[in-house]
Amino acid sequence: GFFGLGGGWAVVPVLNFVMAVPLKVSAACSGVLLAIGNAAAIWPYIIYGALLPLFAAPWMLGQVVGGIIGATILVKVKASFVRYILIGILFLTSIKLIIRGIEGIFGIDLPIF
């Protein structure tokens, strides 16, 4: 994808802070938005027969099961807890992107992540 890590790390804050969508709704909407984009991106692979059902079926099953589990958990936890988890994920993602940038600029391979 364009962001390299799924894009949810960018979509959720934009929905929450810029568009004033509640955090839990932002997380759910982010998944839907990314699913639409991923469905469009995978279409050429389907057309040319490059999508192997052996890999696609378990992935799709994992998406459905993960979505059900995630939705169940999201209903039961406080928004502040979700916010702290999101902040942690965004922090780790930013560190990883900074490391990737340093590796690209200096042509080195840092043994972190």
PDB file of N, CA and C in Angstrom:
ATOM      1  N   GLY A   1       0.797  -1.181   0.000  1.00  0.00           N
ATOM      2  CA  GLY A   1       0.000   0.000   0.000  1.00  0.00           C
ATOM      3  C   GLY A   1       0.851   1.261   0.000  1.00  0.00           C
ATOM      4  N   PHE A   2       0.209   2.381  -0.107  1.00  0.00           N
ATOM      5  CA  PHE A   2       0.907   3.663  -0.165  1.00  0.00           C
ATOM      6  C   PHE A   2       1.680   3.942   1.117  1.00  0.00           C
ATOM      7  N   PHE A   3       1.104   3.628   2.269  1.00  0.00           N
ATOM      8  CA  PHE A   3       1.757   3.924   3.538  1.00  0.00           C
ATOM      9  C   PHE A   3       2.682   2.808   4.000  1.00  0.00           C
ATOM     10  N   GLY A   4       2.610   1.633   3.412  1.00  0.00           N
ATOM     11  CA  GLY A   4       3.526   0.560   3.740  1.00  0.00           C
ATOM     12  C   GLY A   4       3.133  -0.271   4.949  1.00  0.00           C
ATOM     13  N   LEU A   5       2.252   0.215   5.777  1.00  0.00           N
ATOM     14  CA  LEU A   5       1.868  -0.539   6.972  1.00  0.00           C
ATOM     15  C   LEU A   5       0.354  -0.667   7.093  1.00  0.00           C
ATOM     16  N   GLY A   6      -0.337  -0.603   6.010  1.00  0.00           N
ATOM     17  CA  GLY A   6      -1.779  -0.758   6.039  1.00  0.00           C
ATOM     18  C   GLY A   6      -2.546   0.541   5.942  1.00  0.00           C
ATOM     19  N   GLY A   7      -2.025   1.599   6.458  1.00  0.00           N
ATOM     20  CA  GLY A   7      -2.688   2.889   6.357  1.00  0.00           C
ATOM     21  C   GLY A   7      -3.613   3.232   7.503  1.00  0.00           C
ATOM     22  N   GLY A   8      -3.996   2.245   8.325  1.00  0.00           N
ATOM     23  CA  GLY A   8      -4.885   2.513   9.446  1.00  0.00           C
ATOM     24  C   GLY A   8      -4.290   3.494  10.439  1.00  0.00           C
ATOM     25  N   TRP A   9      -2.981   3.477  10.553  1.00  0.00           N
ATOM     26  CA  TRP A   9      -2.300   4.399  11.466  1.00  0.00           C
ATOM     27  C   TRP A   9      -2.499   5.845  11.030  1.00  0.00           C
ATOM     28  N   ALA A  10      -2.775   6.059   9.761  1.00  0.00           N
ATOM     29  CA  ALA A  10      -2.993   7.421   9.269  1.00  0.00           C
ATOM     30  C   ALA A  10      -4.478   7.766   9.215  1.00  0.00           C
ATOM     31  N   VAL A  11      -5.310   6.786   8.911  1.00  0.00           N
ATOM     32  CA  VAL A  11      -6.736   7.038   8.737  1.00  0.00           C
ATOM     33  C   VAL A  11      -7.424   7.329  10.070  1.00  0.00           C
ATOM     34  N   VAL A  12      -7.101   6.548  11.103  1.00  0.00           N
ATOM     35  CA  VAL A  12      -7.778   6.710  12.399  1.00  0.00           C
ATOM     36  C   VAL A  12      -7.564   8.105  12.984  1.00  0.00           C
ATOM     37  N   PRO A  13      -6.328   8.624  13.060  1.00  0.00           N
ATOM     38  CA  PRO A  13      -6.171   9.980  13.600  1.00  0.00           C
ATOM     39  C   PRO A  13      -6.872  11.051  12.768  1.00  0.00           C
ATOM     40  N   VAL A  14      -6.870  10.893  11.456  1.00  0.00           N
ATOM     41  CA  VAL A  14      -7.548  11.883  10.613  1.00  0.00           C
ATOM     42  C   VAL A  14      -9.049  11.871  10.897  1.00  0.00           C
ATOM     43  N   LEU A  15      -9.629  10.688  10.959  1.00  0.00           N
ATOM     44  CA  LEU A  15     -11.058  10.608  11.257  1.00  0.00           C
ATOM     45  C   LEU A  15     -11.364  11.159  12.645  1.00  0.00           C
ATOM     46  N   ASN A  16     -10.502  10.833  13.620  1.00  0.00           N
ATOM     47  CA  ASN A  16     -10.761  11.219  15.002  1.00  0.00           C
ATOM     48  C   ASN A  16     -10.502  12.694  15.259  1.00  0.00           C
ATOM     49  N   PHE A  17      -9.351  13.180  14.868  1.00  0.00           N
ATOM     50  CA  PHE A  17      -8.972  14.551  15.209  1.00  0.00           C
ATOM     51  C   PHE A  17      -9.479  15.583  14.203  1.00  0.00           C
ATOM     52  N   VAL A  18      -9.349  15.290  12.933  1.00  0.00           N
ATOM     53  CA  VAL A  18      -9.713  16.263  11.909  1.00  0.00           C
ATOM     54  C   VAL A  18     -11.222  16.297  11.679  1.00  0.00           C
ATOM     55  N   MET A  19     -11.837  15.116  11.603  1.00  0.00           N
ATOM     56  CA  MET A  19     -13.264  15.057  11.294  1.00  0.00           C
ATOM     57  C   MET A  19     -14.137  14.887  12.537  1.00  0.00           C
ATOM     58  N   ALA A  20     -13.531  14.826  13.725  1.00  0.00           N
ATOM     59  CA  ALA A  20     -14.235  14.722  15.014  1.00  0.00           C
ATOM     60  C   ALA A  20     -15.127  13.486  15.124  1.00  0.00           C
ATOM     61  N   VAL A  21     -14.708  12.390  14.502  1.00  0.00           N
ATOM     62  CA  VAL A  21     -15.427  11.127  14.625  1.00  0.00           C
ATOM     63  C   VAL A  21     -14.942  10.460  15.915  1.00  0.00           C
ATOM     64  N   PRO A  22     -15.834   9.908  16.743  1.00  0.00           N
ATOM     65  CA  PRO A  22     -15.391   9.236  17.969  1.00  0.00           C
ATOM     66  C   PRO A  22     -14.364   8.145  17.670  1.00  0.00           C
ATOM     67  N   LEU A  23     -13.466   7.898  18.629  1.00  0.00           N
ATOM     68  CA  LEU A  23     -12.336   7.005  18.405  1.00  0.00           C
ATOM     69  C   LEU A  23     -12.761   5.592  18.005  1.00  0.00           C
ATOM     70  N   LYS A  24     -13.717   5.024  18.711  1.00  0.00           N
ATOM     71  CA  LYS A  24     -14.150   3.664  18.382  1.00  0.00           C
ATOM     72  C   LYS A  24     -14.764   3.594  16.986  1.00  0.00           C
ATOM     73  N   VAL A  25     -15.503   4.601  16.617  1.00  0.00           N
ATOM     74  CA  VAL A  25     -16.096   4.656  15.276  1.00  0.00           C
ATOM     75  C   VAL A  25     -14.992   4.832  14.232  1.00  0.00           C
ATOM     76  N   SER A  26     -13.980   5.638  14.561  1.00  0.00           N
ATOM     77  CA  SER A  26     -12.848   5.838  13.649  1.00  0.00           C
ATOM     78  C   SER A  26     -12.132   4.528  13.377  1.00  0.00           C
ATOM     79  N   ALA A  27     -11.916   3.737  14.434  1.00  0.00           N
ATOM     80  CA  ALA A  27     -11.233   2.451  14.266  1.00  0.00           C
ATOM     81  C   ALA A  27     -12.040   1.521  13.363  1.00  0.00           C
ATOM     82  N   ALA A  28     -13.340   1.475  13.573  1.00  0.00           N
ATOM     83  CA  ALA A  28     -14.192   0.612  12.747  1.00  0.00           C
ATOM     84  C   ALA A  28     -14.241   1.101  11.297  1.00  0.00           C
ATOM     85  N   CYS A  29     -14.407   2.402  11.121  1.00  0.00           N
ATOM     86  CA  CYS A  29     -14.471   2.969   9.763  1.00  0.00           C
ATOM     87  C   CYS A  29     -13.154   2.792   9.022  1.00  0.00           C
ATOM     88  N   SER A  30     -12.055   2.867   9.748  1.00  0.00           N
ATOM     89  CA  SER A  30     -10.746   2.676   9.136  1.00  0.00           C
ATOM     90  C   SER A  30     -10.652   1.296   8.499  1.00  0.00           C
ATOM     91  N   GLY A  31     -11.136   0.290   9.209  1.00  0.00           N
ATOM     92  CA  GLY A  31     -11.121  -1.064   8.661  1.00  0.00           C
ATOM     93  C   GLY A  31     -11.931  -1.183   7.390  1.00  0.00           C
ATOM     94  N   VAL A  32     -13.088  -0.559   7.376  1.00  0.00           N
ATOM     95  CA  VAL A  32     -13.946  -0.601   6.186  1.00  0.00           C
ATOM     96  C   VAL A  32     -13.284   0.134   5.022  1.00  0.00           C
ATOM     97  N   LEU A  33     -12.739   1.323   5.298  1.00  0.00           N
ATOM     98  CA  LEU A  33     -12.077   2.097   4.239  1.00  0.00           C
ATOM     99  C   LEU A  33     -10.893   1.338   3.650  1.00  0.00           C
ATOM    100  N   LEU A  34     -10.095   0.722   4.509  1.00  0.00           N
ATOM    101  CA  LEU A  34      -8.938  -0.026   4.022  1.00  0.00           C
ATOM    102  C   LEU A  34      -9.372  -1.278   3.265  1.00  0.00           C
ATOM    103  N   ALA A  35     -10.456  -1.913   3.693  1.00  0.00           N
ATOM    104  CA  ALA A  35     -10.953  -3.093   2.986  1.00  0.00           C
ATOM    105  C   ALA A  35     -11.387  -2.737   1.567  1.00  0.00           C
ATOM    106  N   ILE A  36     -12.025  -1.592   1.415  1.00  0.00           N
ATOM    107  CA  ILE A  36     -12.447  -1.149   0.079  1.00  0.00           C
ATOM    108  C   ILE A  36     -11.222  -0.919  -0.809  1.00  0.00           C
ATOM    109  N   GLY A  37     -10.227  -0.241  -0.274  1.00  0.00           N
ATOM    110  CA  GLY A  37      -8.999   0.004  -1.035  1.00  0.00           C
ATOM    111  C   GLY A  37      -8.264  -1.275  -1.373  1.00  0.00           C
ATOM    112  N   ASN A  38      -8.200  -2.198  -0.415  1.00  0.00           N
ATOM    113  CA  ASN A  38      -7.523  -3.471  -0.657  1.00  0.00           C
ATOM    114  C   ASN A  38      -8.272  -4.317  -1.677  1.00  0.00           C
ATOM    115  N   ALA A  39      -9.594  -4.252  -1.652  1.00  0.00           N
ATOM    116  CA  ALA A  39     -10.383  -4.999  -2.638  1.00  0.00           C
ATOM    117  C   ALA A  39     -10.087  -4.497  -4.049  1.00  0.00           C
ATOM    118  N   ALA A  40      -9.949  -3.193  -4.193  1.00  0.00           N
ATOM    119  CA  ALA A  40      -9.611  -2.631  -5.508  1.00  0.00           C
ATOM    120  C   ALA A  40      -8.189  -3.009  -5.914  1.00  0.00           C
ATOM    121  N   ALA A  41      -7.281  -3.027  -4.947  1.00  0.00           N
ATOM    122  CA  ALA A  41      -5.880  -3.326  -5.255  1.00  0.00           C
ATOM    123  C   ALA A  41      -5.666  -4.786  -5.633  1.00  0.00           C
ATOM    124  N   ILE A  42      -6.479  -5.680  -5.116  1.00  0.00           N
ATOM    125  CA  ILE A  42      -6.283  -7.105  -5.381  1.00  0.00           C
ATOM    126  C   ILE A  42      -6.939  -7.552  -6.691  1.00  0.00           C
ATOM    127  N   TRP A  43      -7.809  -6.709  -7.239  1.00  0.00           N
ATOM    128  CA  TRP A  43      -8.538  -7.078  -8.451  1.00  0.00           C
ATOM    129  C   TRP A  43      -7.634  -7.507  -9.611  1.00  0.00           C
ATOM    130  N   PRO A  44      -6.541  -6.816  -9.938  1.00  0.00           N
ATOM    131  CA  PRO A  44      -5.675  -7.283 -11.037  1.00  0.00           C
ATOM    132  C   PRO A  44      -5.109  -8.684 -10.800  1.00  0.00           C
ATOM    133  N   TYR A  45      -4.827  -9.016  -9.555  1.00  0.00           N
ATOM    134  CA  TYR A  45      -4.314 -10.357  -9.256  1.00  0.00           C
ATOM    135  C   TYR A  45      -5.381 -11.415  -9.521  1.00  0.00           C
ATOM    136  N   ILE A  46      -6.617 -11.086  -9.212  1.00  0.00           N
ATOM    137  CA  ILE A  46      -7.720 -12.013  -9.471  1.00  0.00           C
ATOM    138  C   ILE A  46      -7.904 -12.196 -10.976  1.00  0.00           C
ATOM    139  N   ILE A  47      -7.863 -11.107 -11.728  1.00  0.00           N
ATOM    140  CA  ILE A  47      -8.065 -11.161 -13.179  1.00  0.00           C
ATOM    141  C   ILE A  47      -7.012 -12.037 -13.851  1.00  0.00           C
ATOM    142  N   TYR A  48      -5.756 -11.918 -13.438  1.00  0.00           N
ATOM    143  CA  TYR A  48      -4.668 -12.658 -14.079  1.00  0.00           C
ATOM    144  C   TYR A  48      -4.385 -14.005 -13.423  1.00  0.00           C
ATOM    145  N   GLY A  49      -5.229 -14.406 -12.485  1.00  0.00           N
ATOM    146  CA  GLY A  49      -5.086 -15.725 -11.875  1.00  0.00           C
ATOM    147  C   GLY A  49      -3.908 -15.848 -10.933  1.00  0.00           C
ATOM    148  N   ALA A  50      -3.413 -14.737 -10.435  1.00  0.00           N
ATOM    149  CA  ALA A  50      -2.256 -14.770  -9.545  1.00  0.00           C
ATOM    150  C   ALA A  50      -2.648 -14.920  -8.076  1.00  0.00           C
ATOM    151  N   LEU A  51      -3.927 -14.901  -7.784  1.00  0.00           N
ATOM    152  CA  LEU A  51      -4.395 -15.054  -6.410  1.00  0.00           C
ATOM    153  C   LEU A  51      -4.609 -16.538  -6.143  1.00  0.00           C
ATOM    154  N   LEU A  52      -3.827 -17.082  -5.247  1.00  0.00           N
ATOM    155  CA  LEU A  52      -3.920 -18.501  -4.945  1.00  0.00           C
ATOM    156  C   LEU A  52      -4.939 -18.736  -3.830  1.00  0.00           C
ATOM    157  N   PRO A  53      -5.968 -19.522  -4.095  1.00  0.00           N
ATOM    158  CA  PRO A  53      -6.974 -19.792  -3.064  1.00  0.00           C
ATOM    159  C   PRO A  53      -6.373 -20.406  -1.800  1.00  0.00           C
ATOM    160  N   LEU A  54      -5.273 -21.146  -1.957  1.00  0.00           N
ATOM    161  CA  LEU A  54      -4.609 -21.759  -0.809  1.00  0.00           C
ATOM    162  C   LEU A  54      -4.177 -20.710   0.209  1.00  0.00           C
ATOM    163  N   PHE A  55      -3.805 -19.528  -0.271  1.00  0.00           N
ATOM    164  CA  PHE A  55      -3.397 -18.445   0.621  1.00  0.00           C
ATOM    165  C   PHE A  55      -4.542 -17.482   0.925  1.00  0.00           C
ATOM    166  N   ALA A  56      -5.420 -17.290  -0.032  1.00  0.00           N
ATOM    167  CA  ALA A  56      -6.502 -16.318   0.137  1.00  0.00           C
ATOM    168  C   ALA A  56      -7.550 -16.788   1.143  1.00  0.00           C
ATOM    169  N   ALA A  57      -7.889 -18.064   1.128  1.00  0.00           N
ATOM    170  CA  ALA A  57      -8.944 -18.565   2.015  1.00  0.00           C
ATOM    171  C   ALA A  57      -8.580 -18.412   3.494  1.00  0.00           C
ATOM    172  N   PRO A  58      -7.384 -18.833   3.934  1.00  0.00           N
ATOM    173  CA  PRO A  58      -7.045 -18.624   5.348  1.00  0.00           C
ATOM    174  C   PRO A  58      -6.958 -17.146   5.715  1.00  0.00           C
ATOM    175  N   TRP A  59      -6.487 -16.324   4.785  1.00  0.00           N
ATOM    176  CA  TRP A  59      -6.401 -14.886   5.044  1.00  0.00           C
ATOM    177  C   TRP A  59      -7.797 -14.316   5.256  1.00  0.00           C
ATOM    178  N   MET A  60      -8.733 -14.696   4.385  1.00  0.00           N
ATOM    179  CA  MET A  60     -10.100 -14.193   4.512  1.00  0.00           C
ATOM    180  C   MET A  60     -10.745 -14.681   5.806  1.00  0.00           C
ATOM    181  N   LEU A  61     -10.512 -15.931   6.161  1.00  0.00           N
ATOM    182  CA  LEU A  61     -11.044 -16.467   7.412  1.00  0.00           C
ATOM    183  C   LEU A  61     -10.474 -15.702   8.605  1.00  0.00           C
ATOM    184  N   GLY A  62      -9.177 -15.424   8.562  1.00  0.00           N
ATOM    185  CA  GLY A  62      -8.546 -14.647   9.631  1.00  0.00           C
ATOM    186  C   GLY A  62      -9.116 -13.246   9.734  1.00  0.00           C
ATOM    187  N   GLN A  63      -9.426 -12.635   8.602  1.00  0.00           N
ATOM    188  CA  GLN A  63     -10.021 -11.303   8.599  1.00  0.00           C
ATOM    189  C   GLN A  63     -11.398 -11.317   9.260  1.00  0.00           C
ATOM    190  N   VAL A  64     -12.189 -12.307   8.935  1.00  0.00           N
ATOM    191  CA  VAL A  64     -13.540 -12.398   9.499  1.00  0.00           C
ATOM    192  C   VAL A  64     -13.479 -12.670  11.000  1.00  0.00           C
ATOM    193  N   VAL A  65     -12.679 -13.662  11.394  1.00  0.00           N
ATOM    194  CA  VAL A  65     -12.564 -13.999  12.819  1.00  0.00           C
ATOM    195  C   VAL A  65     -11.980 -12.825  13.599  1.00  0.00           C
ATOM    196  N   GLY A  66     -10.931 -12.204  13.059  1.00  0.00           N
ATOM    197  CA  GLY A  66     -10.331 -11.041  13.718  1.00  0.00           C
ATOM    198  C   GLY A  66     -11.298  -9.878  13.834  1.00  0.00           C
ATOM    199  N   GLY A  67     -12.108  -9.672  12.813  1.00  0.00           N
ATOM    200  CA  GLY A  67     -13.107  -8.605  12.858  1.00  0.00           C
ATOM    201  C   GLY A  67     -14.155  -8.844  13.927  1.00  0.00           C
ATOM    202  N   ILE A  68     -14.595 -10.086  14.047  1.00  0.00           N
ATOM    203  CA  ILE A  68     -15.594 -10.425  15.069  1.00  0.00           C
ATOM    204  C   ILE A  68     -15.004 -10.262  16.468  1.00  0.00           C
ATOM    205  N   ILE A  69     -13.803 -10.784  16.670  1.00  0.00           N
ATOM    206  CA  ILE A  69     -13.151 -10.661  17.977  1.00  0.00           C
ATOM    207  C   ILE A  69     -12.876  -9.196  18.301  1.00  0.00           C
ATOM    208  N   GLY A  70     -12.354  -8.462  17.335  1.00  0.00           N
ATOM    209  CA  GLY A  70     -12.055  -7.045  17.549  1.00  0.00           C
ATOM    210  C   GLY A  70     -13.295  -6.232  17.878  1.00  0.00           C
ATOM    211  N   ALA A  71     -14.384  -6.485  17.172  1.00  0.00           N
ATOM    212  CA  ALA A  71     -15.630  -5.755  17.435  1.00  0.00           C
ATOM    213  C   ALA A  71     -16.173  -6.081  18.819  1.00  0.00           C
ATOM    214  N   THR A  72     -16.065  -7.346  19.218  1.00  0.00           N
ATOM    215  CA  THR A  72     -16.530  -7.751  20.545  1.00  0.00           C
ATOM    216  C   THR A  72     -15.722  -7.066  21.640  1.00  0.00           C
ATOM    217  N   ILE A  73     -14.407  -7.034  21.469  1.00  0.00           N
ATOM    218  CA  ILE A  73     -13.540  -6.391  22.465  1.00  0.00           C
ATOM    219  C   ILE A  73     -13.769  -4.885  22.478  1.00  0.00           C
ATOM    220  N   LEU A  74     -13.908  -4.287  21.314  1.00  0.00           N
ATOM    221  CA  LEU A  74     -14.063  -2.833  21.220  1.00  0.00           C
ATOM    222  C   LEU A  74     -15.305  -2.339  21.956  1.00  0.00           C
ATOM    223  N   VAL A  75     -16.364  -3.124  21.955  1.00  0.00           N
ATOM    224  CA  VAL A  75     -17.591  -2.741  22.652  1.00  0.00           C
ATOM    225  C   VAL A  75     -17.381  -2.730  24.167  1.00  0.00           C
ATOM    226  N   LYS A  76     -16.504  -3.612  24.661  1.00  0.00           N
ATOM    227  CA  LYS A  76     -16.352  -3.796  26.105  1.00  0.00           C
ATOM    228  C   LYS A  76     -15.309  -2.893  26.748  1.00  0.00           C
ATOM    229  N   VAL A  77     -14.402  -2.310  25.976  1.00  0.00           N
ATOM    230  CA  VAL A  77     -13.337  -1.494  26.577  1.00  0.00           C
ATOM    231  C   VAL A  77     -13.676  -0.010  26.473  1.00  0.00           C
ATOM    232  N   LYS A  78     -13.042   0.753  27.352  1.00  0.00           N
ATOM    233  CA  LYS A  78     -13.258   2.203  27.350  1.00  0.00           C
ATOM    234  C   LYS A  78     -12.494   2.842  26.198  1.00  0.00           C
ATOM    235  N   ALA A  79     -13.001   3.963  25.743  1.00  0.00           N
ATOM    236  CA  ALA A  79     -12.357   4.692  24.648  1.00  0.00           C
ATOM    237  C   ALA A  79     -10.962   5.157  25.047  1.00  0.00           C
ATOM    238  N   SER A  80     -10.751   5.476  26.322  1.00  0.00           N
ATOM    239  CA  SER A  80      -9.424   5.925  26.768  1.00  0.00           C
ATOM    240  C   SER A  80      -8.398   4.805  26.625  1.00  0.00           C
ATOM    241  N   PHE A  81      -8.805   3.561  26.885  1.00  0.00           N
ATOM    242  CA  PHE A  81      -7.899   2.423  26.710  1.00  0.00           C
ATOM    243  C   PHE A  81      -7.539   2.258  25.240  1.00  0.00           C
ATOM    244  N   VAL A  82      -8.538   2.375  24.377  1.00  0.00           N
ATOM    245  CA  VAL A  82      -8.302   2.281  22.931  1.00  0.00           C
ATOM    246  C   VAL A  82      -7.354   3.397  22.495  1.00  0.00           C
ATOM    247  N   ARG A  83      -7.534   4.580  23.063  1.00  0.00           N
ATOM    248  CA  ARG A  83      -6.669   5.714  22.730  1.00  0.00           C
ATOM    249  C   ARG A  83      -5.210   5.414  23.098  1.00  0.00           C
ATOM    250  N   TYR A  84      -4.977   4.850  24.300  1.00  0.00           N
ATOM    251  CA  TYR A  84      -3.608   4.525  24.714  1.00  0.00           C
ATOM    252  C   TYR A  84      -2.990   3.445  23.835  1.00  0.00           C
ATOM    253  N   ILE A  85      -3.774   2.455  23.476  1.00  0.00           N
ATOM    254  CA  ILE A  85      -3.282   1.415  22.569  1.00  0.00           C
ATOM    255  C   ILE A  85      -2.925   2.032  21.221  1.00  0.00           C
ATOM    256  N   LEU A  86      -3.788   2.892  20.719  1.00  0.00           N
ATOM    257  CA  LEU A  86      -3.536   3.556  19.437  1.00  0.00           C
ATOM    258  C   LEU A  86      -2.280   4.418  19.500  1.00  0.00           C
ATOM    259  N   ILE A  87      -2.101   5.147  20.585  1.00  0.00           N
ATOM    260  CA  ILE A  87      -0.898   5.973  20.747  1.00  0.00           C
ATOM    261  C   ILE A  87       0.345   5.096  20.726  1.00  0.00           C
ATOM    262  N   GLY A  88       0.298   3.952  21.412  1.00  0.00           N
ATOM    263  CA  GLY A  88       1.434   3.028  21.410  1.00  0.00           C
ATOM    264  C   GLY A  88       1.746   2.497  20.023  1.00  0.00           C
ATOM    265  N   ILE A  89       0.708   2.117  19.295  1.00  0.00           N
ATOM    266  CA  ILE A  89       0.900   1.608  17.935  1.00  0.00           C
ATOM    267  C   ILE A  89       1.465   2.700  17.031  1.00  0.00           C
ATOM    268  N   LEU A  90       0.930   3.907  17.146  1.00  0.00           N
ATOM    269  CA  LEU A  90       1.431   5.020  16.332  1.00  0.00           C
ATOM    270  C   LEU A  90       2.881   5.334  16.663  1.00  0.00           C
ATOM    271  N   PHE A  91       3.236   5.260  17.937  1.00  0.00           N
ATOM    272  CA  PHE A  91       4.619   5.520  18.335  1.00  0.00           C
ATOM    273  C   PHE A  91       5.557   4.476  17.734  1.00  0.00           C
ATOM    274  N   LEU A  92       5.206   3.196  17.877  1.00  0.00           N
ATOM    275  CA  LEU A  92       6.056   2.138  17.322  1.00  0.00           C
ATOM    276  C   LEU A  92       6.136   2.228  15.797  1.00  0.00           C
ATOM    277  N   THR A  93       5.030   2.571  15.168  1.00  0.00           N
ATOM    278  CA  THR A  93       5.020   2.734  13.715  1.00  0.00           C
ATOM    279  C   THR A  93       5.925   3.878  13.289  1.00  0.00           C
ATOM    280  N   SER A  94       5.873   4.982  14.029  1.00  0.00           N
ATOM    281  CA  SER A  94       6.726   6.125  13.677  1.00  0.00           C
ATOM    282  C   SER A  94       8.199   5.771  13.829  1.00  0.00           C
ATOM    283  N   ILE A  95       8.537   5.023  14.875  1.00  0.00           N
ATOM    284  CA  ILE A  95       9.928   4.589  15.063  1.00  0.00           C
ATOM    285  C   ILE A  95      10.358   3.714  13.889  1.00  0.00           C
ATOM    286  N   LYS A  96       9.495   2.773  13.504  1.00  0.00           N
ATOM    287  CA  LYS A  96       9.831   1.887  12.382  1.00  0.00           C
ATOM    288  C   LYS A  96      10.021   2.676  11.087  1.00  0.00           C
ATOM    289  N   LEU A  97       9.160   3.653  10.832  1.00  0.00           N
ATOM    290  CA  LEU A  97       9.294   4.460   9.618  1.00  0.00           C
ATOM    291  C   LEU A  97      10.552   5.321   9.648  1.00  0.00           C
ATOM    292  N   ILE A  98      10.902   5.852  10.808  1.00  0.00           N
ATOM    293  CA  ILE A  98      12.141   6.628  10.936  1.00  0.00           C
ATOM    294  C   ILE A  98      13.344   5.739  10.663  1.00  0.00           C
ATOM    295  N   ILE A  99      13.330   4.528  11.217  1.00  0.00           N
ATOM    296  CA  ILE A  99      14.435   3.588  10.987  1.00  0.00           C
ATOM    297  C   ILE A  99      14.531   3.236   9.509  1.00  0.00           C
ATOM    298  N   ARG A 100      13.396   2.987   8.872  1.00  0.00           N
ATOM    299  CA  ARG A 100      13.395   2.709   7.432  1.00  0.00           C
ATOM    300  C   ARG A 100      13.982   3.866   6.634  1.00  0.00           C
ATOM    301  N   GLY A 101      13.626   5.085   7.017  1.00  0.00           N
ATOM    302  CA  GLY A 101      14.162   6.263   6.339  1.00  0.00           C
ATOM    303  C   GLY A 101      15.663   6.383   6.508  1.00  0.00           C
ATOM    304  N   ILE A 102      16.148   6.146   7.726  1.00  0.00           N
ATOM    305  CA  ILE A 102      17.593   6.202   7.984  1.00  0.00           C
ATOM    306  C   ILE A 102      18.307   5.137   7.167  1.00  0.00           C
ATOM    307  N   GLU A 103      17.736   3.934   7.129  1.00  0.00           N
ATOM    308  CA  GLU A 103      18.341   2.864   6.336  1.00  0.00           C
ATOM    309  C   GLU A 103      18.408   3.242   4.856  1.00  0.00           C
ATOM    310  N   GLY A 104      17.355   3.863   4.351  1.00  0.00           N
ATOM    311  CA  GLY A 104      17.328   4.256   2.943  1.00  0.00           C
ATOM    312  C   GLY A 104      18.299   5.371   2.624  1.00  0.00           C
ATOM    313  N   ILE A 105      18.403   6.350   3.518  1.00  0.00           N
ATOM    314  CA  ILE A 105      19.284   7.490   3.271  1.00  0.00           C
ATOM    315  C   ILE A 105      20.745   7.080   3.325  1.00  0.00           C
ATOM    316  N   PHE A 106      21.096   6.302   4.350  1.00  0.00           N
ATOM    317  CA  PHE A 106      22.504   5.967   4.560  1.00  0.00           C
ATOM    318  C   PHE A 106      22.900   4.615   3.982  1.00  0.00           C
ATOM    319  N   GLY A 107      21.957   3.874   3.440  1.00  0.00           N
ATOM    320  CA  GLY A 107      22.265   2.586   2.830  1.00  0.00           C
ATOM    321  C   GLY A 107      22.748   1.552   3.826  1.00  0.00           C
ATOM    322  N   ILE A 108      22.243   1.612   5.048  1.00  0.00           N
ATOM    323  CA  ILE A 108      22.638   0.657   6.078  1.00  0.00           C
ATOM    324  C   ILE A 108      21.430  -0.175   6.485  1.00  0.00           C
ATOM    325  N   ASP A 109      21.702  -1.276   7.172  1.00  0.00           N
ATOM    326  CA  ASP A 109      20.630  -2.134   7.653  1.00  0.00           C
ATOM    327  C   ASP A 109      20.710  -2.190   9.166  1.00  0.00           C
ATOM    328  N   LEU A 110      19.797  -1.491   9.834  1.00  0.00           N
ATOM    329  CA  LEU A 110      19.777  -1.475  11.289  1.00  0.00           C
ATOM    330  C   LEU A 110      19.059  -2.724  11.797  1.00  0.00           C
ATOM    331  N   PRO A 111      19.642  -3.424  12.771  1.00  0.00           N
ATOM    332  CA  PRO A 111      19.044  -4.681  13.249  1.00  0.00           C
ATOM    333  C   PRO A 111      17.929  -4.472  14.273  1.00  0.00           C
ATOM    334  N   ILE A 112      17.100  -3.445  14.070  1.00  0.00           N
ATOM    335  CA  ILE A 112      15.998  -3.162  14.980  1.00  0.00           C
ATOM    336  C   ILE A 112      14.707  -3.428  14.228  1.00  0.00           C
ATOM    337  N   PHE A 113      13.746  -4.091  14.840  1.00  0.00           N
ATOM    338  CA  PHE A 113      12.463  -4.461  14.241  1.00  0.00           C
ATOM    339  C   PHE A 113      12.699  -5.479  13.150  1.00  0.00           C
TER     340      PHE A 113
END
